[in-house]
PDB file of N, CA and C in Angstrom:
ATOM      1  N   UNK A   1     166.214-189.949 -73.930  1.00  0.00           N
ATOM      2  CA  UNK A   1     165.482-188.717 -73.726  1.00  0.00           C
ATOM      3  C   UNK A   1     164.486-188.546 -74.876  1.00  0.00           C
ATOM      4  N   UNK A   2     163.281-188.119 -74.585  1.00  0.00           N
ATOM      5  CA  UNK A   2     162.249-187.927 -75.600  1.00  0.00           C
ATOM      6  C   UNK A   2     162.480-186.679 -76.438  1.00  0.00           C
ATOM      7  N   UNK A   3     161.753-186.615 -77.504  1.00  0.00           N
ATOM      8  CA  UNK A   3     161.862-185.447 -78.382  1.00  0.00           C
ATOM      9  C   UNK A   3     161.182-184.250 -77.737  1.00  0.00           C
ATOM     10  N   UNK A   4     161.762-183.106 -77.934  1.00  0.00           N
ATOM     11  CA  UNK A   4     161.221-181.874 -77.381  1.00  0.00           C
ATOM     12  C   UNK A   4     160.946-180.923 -78.532  1.00  0.00           C
ATOM     13  N   UNK A   5     159.736-180.430 -78.606  1.00  0.00           N
ATOM     14  CA  UNK A   5     159.388-179.458 -79.637  1.00  0.00           C
ATOM     15  C   UNK A   5     159.704-178.064 -79.114  1.00  0.00           C
ATOM     16  N   UNK A   6     160.371-177.302 -79.906  1.00  0.00           N
ATOM     17  CA  UNK A   6     160.728-175.952 -79.517  1.00  0.00           C
ATOM     18  C   UNK A   6     160.191-174.987 -80.572  1.00  0.00           C
ATOM     19  N   UNK A   7     159.302-174.106 -80.169  1.00  0.00           N
ATOM     20  CA  UNK A   7     158.707-173.150 -81.086  1.00  0.00           C
ATOM     21  C   UNK A   7     159.233-171.758 -80.763  1.00  0.00           C
ATOM     22  N   UNK A   8     159.544-171.006 -81.790  1.00  0.00           N
ATOM     23  CA  UNK A   8     159.935-169.619 -81.538  1.00  0.00           C
ATOM     24  C   UNK A   8     158.803-168.867 -80.852  1.00  0.00           C
ATOM     25  N   UNK A   9     159.142-167.903 -80.021  1.00  0.00           N
ATOM     26  CA  UNK A   9     158.126-167.143 -79.296  1.00  0.00           C
ATOM     27  C   UNK A   9     157.150-166.484 -80.253  1.00  0.00           C
ATOM     28  N   UNK A  10     157.648-165.949 -81.355  1.00  0.00           N
ATOM     29  CA  UNK A  10     156.768-165.282 -82.307  1.00  0.00           C
ATOM     30  C   UNK A  10     155.715-166.253 -82.849  1.00  0.00           C
ATOM     31  N   UNK A  11     156.092-167.496 -83.120  1.00  0.00           N
ATOM     32  CA  UNK A  11     155.144-168.480 -83.626  1.00  0.00           C
ATOM     33  C   UNK A  11     154.081-168.785 -82.578  1.00  0.00           C
ATOM     34  N   UNK A  12     154.480-169.001 -81.339  1.00  0.00           N
ATOM     35  CA  UNK A  12     153.523-169.288 -80.274  1.00  0.00           C
ATOM     36  C   UNK A  12     152.577-168.104 -80.079  1.00  0.00           C
ATOM     37  N   UNK A  13     153.108-166.899 -80.122  1.00  0.00           N
ATOM     38  CA  UNK A  13     152.283-165.699 -79.973  1.00  0.00           C
ATOM     39  C   UNK A  13     151.309-165.573 -81.135  1.00  0.00           C
ATOM     40  N   UNK A  14     151.772-165.849 -82.342  1.00  0.00           N
ATOM     41  CA  UNK A  14     150.911-165.768 -83.525  1.00  0.00           C
ATOM     42  C   UNK A  14     149.760-166.753 -83.417  1.00  0.00           C
ATOM     43  N   UNK A  15     150.051-167.978 -83.003  1.00  0.00           N
ATOM     44  CA  UNK A  15     148.999-168.992 -82.831  1.00  0.00           C
ATOM     45  C   UNK A  15     148.003-168.537 -81.772  1.00  0.00           C
ATOM     46  N   UNK A  16     148.498-167.999 -80.658  1.00  0.00           N
ATOM     47  CA  UNK A  16     147.618-167.510 -79.596  1.00  0.00           C
ATOM     48  C   UNK A  16     146.712-166.395 -80.105  1.00  0.00           C
ATOM     49  N   UNK A  17     147.287-165.425 -80.829  1.00  0.00           N
ATOM     50  CA  UNK A  17     146.493-164.300 -81.330  1.00  0.00           C
ATOM     51  C   UNK A  17     145.475-164.759 -82.364  1.00  0.00           C
ATOM     52  N   UNK A  18     145.818-165.730 -83.198  1.00  0.00           N
ATOM     53  CA  UNK A  18     144.862-166.247 -84.171  1.00  0.00           C
ATOM     54  C   UNK A  18     143.684-166.888 -83.448  1.00  0.00           C
ATOM     55  N   UNK A  19     143.966-167.631 -82.387  1.00  0.00           N
ATOM     56  CA  UNK A  19     142.915-168.255 -81.595  1.00  0.00           C
ATOM     57  C   UNK A  19     142.042-167.187 -80.928  1.00  0.00           C
ATOM     58  N   UNK A  20     142.677-166.178 -80.372  1.00  0.00           N
ATOM     59  CA  UNK A  20     141.947-165.085 -79.733  1.00  0.00           C
ATOM     60  C   UNK A  20     141.085-164.347 -80.754  1.00  0.00           C
ATOM     61  N   UNK A  21     141.635-164.090 -81.939  1.00  0.00           N
ATOM     62  CA  UNK A  21     140.868-163.429 -82.989  1.00  0.00           C
ATOM     63  C   UNK A  21     139.650-164.254 -83.384  1.00  0.00           C
ATOM     64  N   UNK A  22     139.824-165.565 -83.502  1.00  0.00           N
ATOM     65  CA  UNK A  22     138.701-166.437 -83.861  1.00  0.00           C
ATOM     66  C   UNK A  22     137.614-166.399 -82.790  1.00  0.00           C
ATOM     67  N   UNK A  23     138.013-166.428 -81.531  1.00  0.00           N
ATOM     68  CA  UNK A  23     137.033-166.378 -80.443  1.00  0.00           C
ATOM     69  C   UNK A  23     136.294-165.040 -80.430  1.00  0.00           C
ATOM     70  N   UNK A  24     137.030-163.958 -80.636  1.00  0.00           N
ATOM     71  CA  UNK A  24     136.403-162.634 -80.632  1.00  0.00           C
ATOM     72  C   UNK A  24     135.445-162.482 -81.808  1.00  0.00           C
ATOM     73  N   UNK A  25     135.881-162.858 -83.002  1.00  0.00           N
ATOM     74  CA  UNK A  25     135.022-162.689 -84.178  1.00  0.00           C
ATOM     75  C   UNK A  25     133.809-163.609 -84.087  1.00  0.00           C
ATOM     76  N   UNK A  26     133.970-164.776 -83.499  1.00  0.00           N
ATOM     77  CA  UNK A  26     132.845-165.689 -83.304  1.00  0.00           C
ATOM     78  C   UNK A  26     131.796-165.064 -82.387  1.00  0.00           C
ATOM     79  N   UNK A  27     132.246-164.436 -81.315  1.00  0.00           N
ATOM     80  CA  UNK A  27     131.309-163.784 -80.400  1.00  0.00           C
ATOM     81  C   UNK A  27     130.618-162.594 -81.074  1.00  0.00           C
ATOM     82  N   UNK A  28     131.389-161.821 -81.829  1.00  0.00           N
ATOM     83  CA  UNK A  28     130.833-160.649 -82.515  1.00  0.00           C
ATOM     84  C   UNK A  28     129.783-161.079 -83.531  1.00  0.00           C
ATOM     85  N   UNK A  29     130.135-162.050 -84.381  1.00  0.00           N
ATOM     86  CA  UNK A  29     129.185-162.516 -85.393  1.00  0.00           C
ATOM     87  C   UNK A  29     127.983-163.212 -84.760  1.00  0.00           C
ATOM     88  N   UNK A  30     128.209-163.880 -83.616  1.00  0.00           N
ATOM     89  CA  UNK A  30     127.130-164.575 -82.926  1.00  0.00           C
ATOM     90  C   UNK A  30     126.065-163.636 -82.374  1.00  0.00           C
ATOM     91  N   UNK A  31     126.440-162.416 -82.054  1.00  0.00           N
ATOM     92  CA  UNK A  31     125.482-161.445 -81.530  1.00  0.00           C
ATOM     93  C   UNK A  31     124.595-160.853 -82.624  1.00  0.00           C
ATOM     94  N   UNK A  32     125.013-160.991 -83.854  1.00  0.00           N
ATOM     95  CA  UNK A  32     124.187-160.503 -84.962  1.00  0.00           C
ATOM     96  C   UNK A  32     124.601-159.132 -85.450  1.00  0.00           C
ATOM     97  N   UNK A  33     124.149-158.839 -86.627  1.00  0.00           N
ATOM     98  CA  UNK A  33     124.463-157.581 -87.293  1.00  0.00           C
ATOM     99  C   UNK A  33     123.974-156.388 -86.466  1.00  0.00           C
ATOM    100  N   UNK A  34     124.802-155.377 -86.366  1.00  0.00           N
ATOM    101  CA  UNK A  34     124.411-154.162 -85.675  1.00  0.00           C
ATOM    102  C   UNK A  34     124.788-154.102 -84.206  1.00  0.00           C
ATOM    103  N   UNK A  35     125.406-155.164 -83.677  1.00  0.00           N
ATOM    104  CA  UNK A  35     125.787-155.156 -82.264  1.00  0.00           C
ATOM    105  C   UNK A  35     126.982-154.235 -82.080  1.00  0.00           C
ATOM    106  N   UNK A  36     126.833-153.215 -81.270  1.00  0.00           N
ATOM    107  CA  UNK A  36     127.941-152.310 -80.942  1.00  0.00           C
ATOM    108  C   UNK A  36     128.612-152.849 -79.684  1.00  0.00           C
ATOM    109  N   UNK A  37     129.919-152.981 -79.715  1.00  0.00           N
ATOM    110  CA  UNK A  37     130.641-153.591 -78.611  1.00  0.00           C
ATOM    111  C   UNK A  37     131.880-152.787 -78.277  1.00  0.00           C
ATOM    112  N   UNK A  38     132.411-153.054 -77.099  1.00  0.00           N
ATOM    113  CA  UNK A  38     133.646-152.425 -76.650  1.00  0.00           C
ATOM    114  C   UNK A  38     134.508-153.511 -76.015  1.00  0.00           C
ATOM    115  N   UNK A  39     135.763-153.219 -75.723  1.00  0.00           N
ATOM    116  CA  UNK A  39     136.605-154.220 -75.055  1.00  0.00           C
ATOM    117  C   UNK A  39     136.005-154.723 -73.736  1.00  0.00           C
ATOM    118  N   UNK A  40     135.195-153.915 -73.091  1.00  0.00           N
ATOM    119  CA  UNK A  40     134.556-154.331 -71.832  1.00  0.00           C
ATOM    120  C   UNK A  40     133.636-155.533 -72.025  1.00  0.00           C
ATOM    121  N   UNK A  41     133.090-155.717 -73.231  1.00  0.00           N
ATOM    122  CA  UNK A  41     132.205-156.844 -73.498  1.00  0.00           C
ATOM    123  C   UNK A  41     132.947-158.178 -73.516  1.00  0.00           C
ATOM    124  N   UNK A  42     134.270-158.139 -73.546  1.00  0.00           N
ATOM    125  CA  UNK A  42     135.083-159.343 -73.577  1.00  0.00           C
ATOM    126  C   UNK A  42     135.901-159.514 -72.299  1.00  0.00           C
ATOM    127  N   UNK A  43     135.669-158.670 -71.317  1.00  0.00           N
ATOM    128  CA  UNK A  43     136.506-158.604 -70.114  1.00  0.00           C
ATOM    129  C   UNK A  43     136.513-159.894 -69.299  1.00  0.00           C
ATOM    130  N   UNK A  44     135.439-160.664 -69.314  1.00  0.00           N
ATOM    131  CA  UNK A  44     135.412-161.864 -68.478  1.00  0.00           C
ATOM    132  C   UNK A  44     136.287-162.989 -69.036  1.00  0.00           C
ATOM    133  N   UNK A  45     136.617-162.934 -70.319  1.00  0.00           N
ATOM    134  CA  UNK A  45     137.385-164.011 -70.933  1.00  0.00           C
ATOM    135  C   UNK A  45     138.831-163.660 -71.269  1.00  0.00           C
ATOM    136  N   UNK A  46     139.117-162.377 -71.472  1.00  0.00           N
ATOM    137  CA  UNK A  46     140.435-161.970 -71.943  1.00  0.00           C
ATOM    138  C   UNK A  46     140.932-160.767 -71.153  1.00  0.00           C
ATOM    139  N   UNK A  47     142.243-160.567 -71.149  1.00  0.00           N
ATOM    140  CA  UNK A  47     142.766-159.361 -70.522  1.00  0.00           C
ATOM    141  C   UNK A  47     142.499-158.173 -71.436  1.00  0.00           C
ATOM    142  N   UNK A  48     142.533-156.994 -70.881  1.00  0.00           N
ATOM    143  CA  UNK A  48     142.258-155.775 -71.639  1.00  0.00           C
ATOM    144  C   UNK A  48     143.237-155.613 -72.808  1.00  0.00           C
ATOM    145  N   UNK A  49     144.524-155.841 -72.561  1.00  0.00           N
ATOM    146  CA  UNK A  49     145.538-155.714 -73.616  1.00  0.00           C
ATOM    147  C   UNK A  49     145.306-156.730 -74.734  1.00  0.00           C
ATOM    148  N   UNK A  50     144.969-157.962 -74.361  1.00  0.00           N
ATOM    149  CA  UNK A  50     144.740-158.998 -75.371  1.00  0.00           C
ATOM    150  C   UNK A  50     143.589-158.626 -76.285  1.00  0.00           C
ATOM    151  N   UNK A  51     142.486-158.214 -75.711  1.00  0.00           N
ATOM    152  CA  UNK A  51     141.322-157.931 -76.544  1.00  0.00           C
ATOM    153  C   UNK A  51     141.516-156.656 -77.352  1.00  0.00           C
ATOM    154  N   UNK A  52     142.192-155.660 -76.794  1.00  0.00           N
ATOM    155  CA  UNK A  52     142.455-154.449 -77.580  1.00  0.00           C
ATOM    156  C   UNK A  52     143.319-154.758 -78.788  1.00  0.00           C
ATOM    157  N   UNK A  53     144.333-155.608 -78.606  1.00  0.00           N
ATOM    158  CA  UNK A  53     145.177-156.008 -79.731  1.00  0.00           C
ATOM    159  C   UNK A  53     144.386-156.804 -80.763  1.00  0.00           C
ATOM    160  N   UNK A  54     143.543-157.715 -80.290  1.00  0.00           N
ATOM    161  CA  UNK A  54     142.743-158.532 -81.210  1.00  0.00           C
ATOM    162  C   UNK A  54     141.764-157.664 -82.001  1.00  0.00           C
ATOM    163  N   UNK A  55     141.053-156.766 -81.324  1.00  0.00           N
ATOM    164  CA  UNK A  55     140.091-155.909 -82.019  1.00  0.00           C
ATOM    165  C   UNK A  55     140.782-154.966 -82.993  1.00  0.00           C
ATOM    166  N   UNK A  56     141.937-154.437 -82.610  1.00  0.00           N
ATOM    167  CA  UNK A  56     142.692-153.560 -83.518  1.00  0.00           C
ATOM    168  C   UNK A  56     143.128-154.332 -84.758  1.00  0.00           C
ATOM    169  N   UNK A  57     143.568-155.572 -84.567  1.00  0.00           N
ATOM    170  CA  UNK A  57     143.974-156.404 -85.701  1.00  0.00           C
ATOM    171  C   UNK A  57     142.809-156.734 -86.611  1.00  0.00           C
ATOM    172  N   UNK A  58     141.654-157.056 -86.031  1.00  0.00           N
ATOM    173  CA  UNK A  58     140.465-157.352 -86.832  1.00  0.00           C
ATOM    174  C   UNK A  58     140.007-156.122 -87.613  1.00  0.00           C
ATOM    175  N   UNK A  59     140.154-154.972 -87.007  1.00  0.00           N
ATOM    176  CA  UNK A  59     139.821-153.712 -87.688  1.00  0.00           C
ATOM    177  C   UNK A  59     140.804-153.459 -88.828  1.00  0.00           C
ATOM    178  N   UNK A  60     142.076-153.693 -88.577  1.00  0.00           N
ATOM    179  CA  UNK A  60     143.129-153.457 -89.570  1.00  0.00           C
ATOM    180  C   UNK A  60     142.918-154.281 -90.839  1.00  0.00           C
ATOM    181  N   UNK A  61     142.457-155.539 -90.686  1.00  0.00           N
ATOM    182  CA  UNK A  61     142.253-156.404 -91.851  1.00  0.00           C
ATOM    183  C   UNK A  61     140.848-156.279 -92.446  1.00  0.00           C
ATOM    184  N   UNK A  62     140.025-155.399 -91.860  1.00  0.00           N
ATOM    185  CA  UNK A  62     138.703-155.133 -92.428  1.00  0.00           C
ATOM    186  C   UNK A  62     137.588-156.067 -91.997  1.00  0.00           C
ATOM    187  N   UNK A  63     137.808-156.859 -90.952  1.00  0.00           N
ATOM    188  CA  UNK A  63     136.766-157.773 -90.467  1.00  0.00           C
ATOM    189  C   UNK A  63     135.686-157.047 -89.676  1.00  0.00           C
ATOM    190  N   UNK A  64     136.077-156.000 -88.951  1.00  0.00           N
ATOM    191  CA  UNK A  64     135.129-155.211 -88.165  1.00  0.00           C
ATOM    192  C   UNK A  64     135.423-153.729 -88.398  1.00  0.00           C
ATOM    193  N   UNK A  65     134.397-152.877 -88.318  1.00  0.00           N
ATOM    194  CA  UNK A  65     134.647-151.435 -88.442  1.00  0.00           C
ATOM    195  C   UNK A  65     134.916-150.809 -87.078  1.00  0.00           C
ATOM    196  N   UNK A  66     135.671-149.738 -87.065  1.00  0.00           N
ATOM    197  CA  UNK A  66     135.864-148.974 -85.828  1.00  0.00           C
ATOM    198  C   UNK A  66     134.882-147.813 -85.887  1.00  0.00           C
ATOM    199  N   UNK A  67     133.965-147.777 -84.937  1.00  0.00           N
ATOM    200  CA  UNK A  67     132.948-146.734 -84.911  1.00  0.00           C
ATOM    201  C   UNK A  67     133.505-145.469 -84.257  1.00  0.00           C
ATOM    202  N   UNK A  68     134.115-145.620 -83.100  1.00  0.00           N
ATOM    203  CA  UNK A  68     134.772-144.496 -82.452  1.00  0.00           C
ATOM    204  C   UNK A  68     135.879-145.029 -81.562  1.00  0.00           C
ATOM    205  N   UNK A  69     136.793-144.169 -81.248  1.00  0.00           N
ATOM    206  CA  UNK A  69     137.939-144.555 -80.417  1.00  0.00           C
ATOM    207  C   UNK A  69     137.712-144.031 -79.011  1.00  0.00           C
ATOM    208  N   UNK A  70     138.026-144.850 -78.030  1.00  0.00           N
ATOM    209  CA  UNK A  70     137.891-144.456 -76.623  1.00  0.00           C
ATOM    210  C   UNK A  70     138.886-143.342 -76.325  1.00  0.00           C
ATOM    211  N   UNK A  71     138.408-142.346 -75.619  1.00  0.00           N
ATOM    212  CA  UNK A  71     139.284-141.241 -75.230  1.00  0.00           C
ATOM    213  C   UNK A  71     139.811-141.496 -73.840  1.00  0.00           C
ATOM    214  N   UNK A  72     141.101-141.303 -73.662  1.00  0.00           N
ATOM    215  CA  UNK A  72     141.686-141.626 -72.364  1.00  0.00           C
ATOM    216  C   UNK A  72     142.401-140.541 -71.738  1.00  0.00           C
TER     217      UNK A  72
END
């Protein structure tokens, strides 16, 4: 029987979120300084929950500013 790699769920999730964060920040920086964006700008590539978590995390670490919060 071959070797099987087993990763804890938290590790797999962390790797996924890091990849998602990199893709989001790449798109944000690619648009240039001053681009105002919302989760809707990422809707074609990511689910709403994924992008909201990624943007909140990027805001938390100071990579992007939060201009205003959506009212629901």
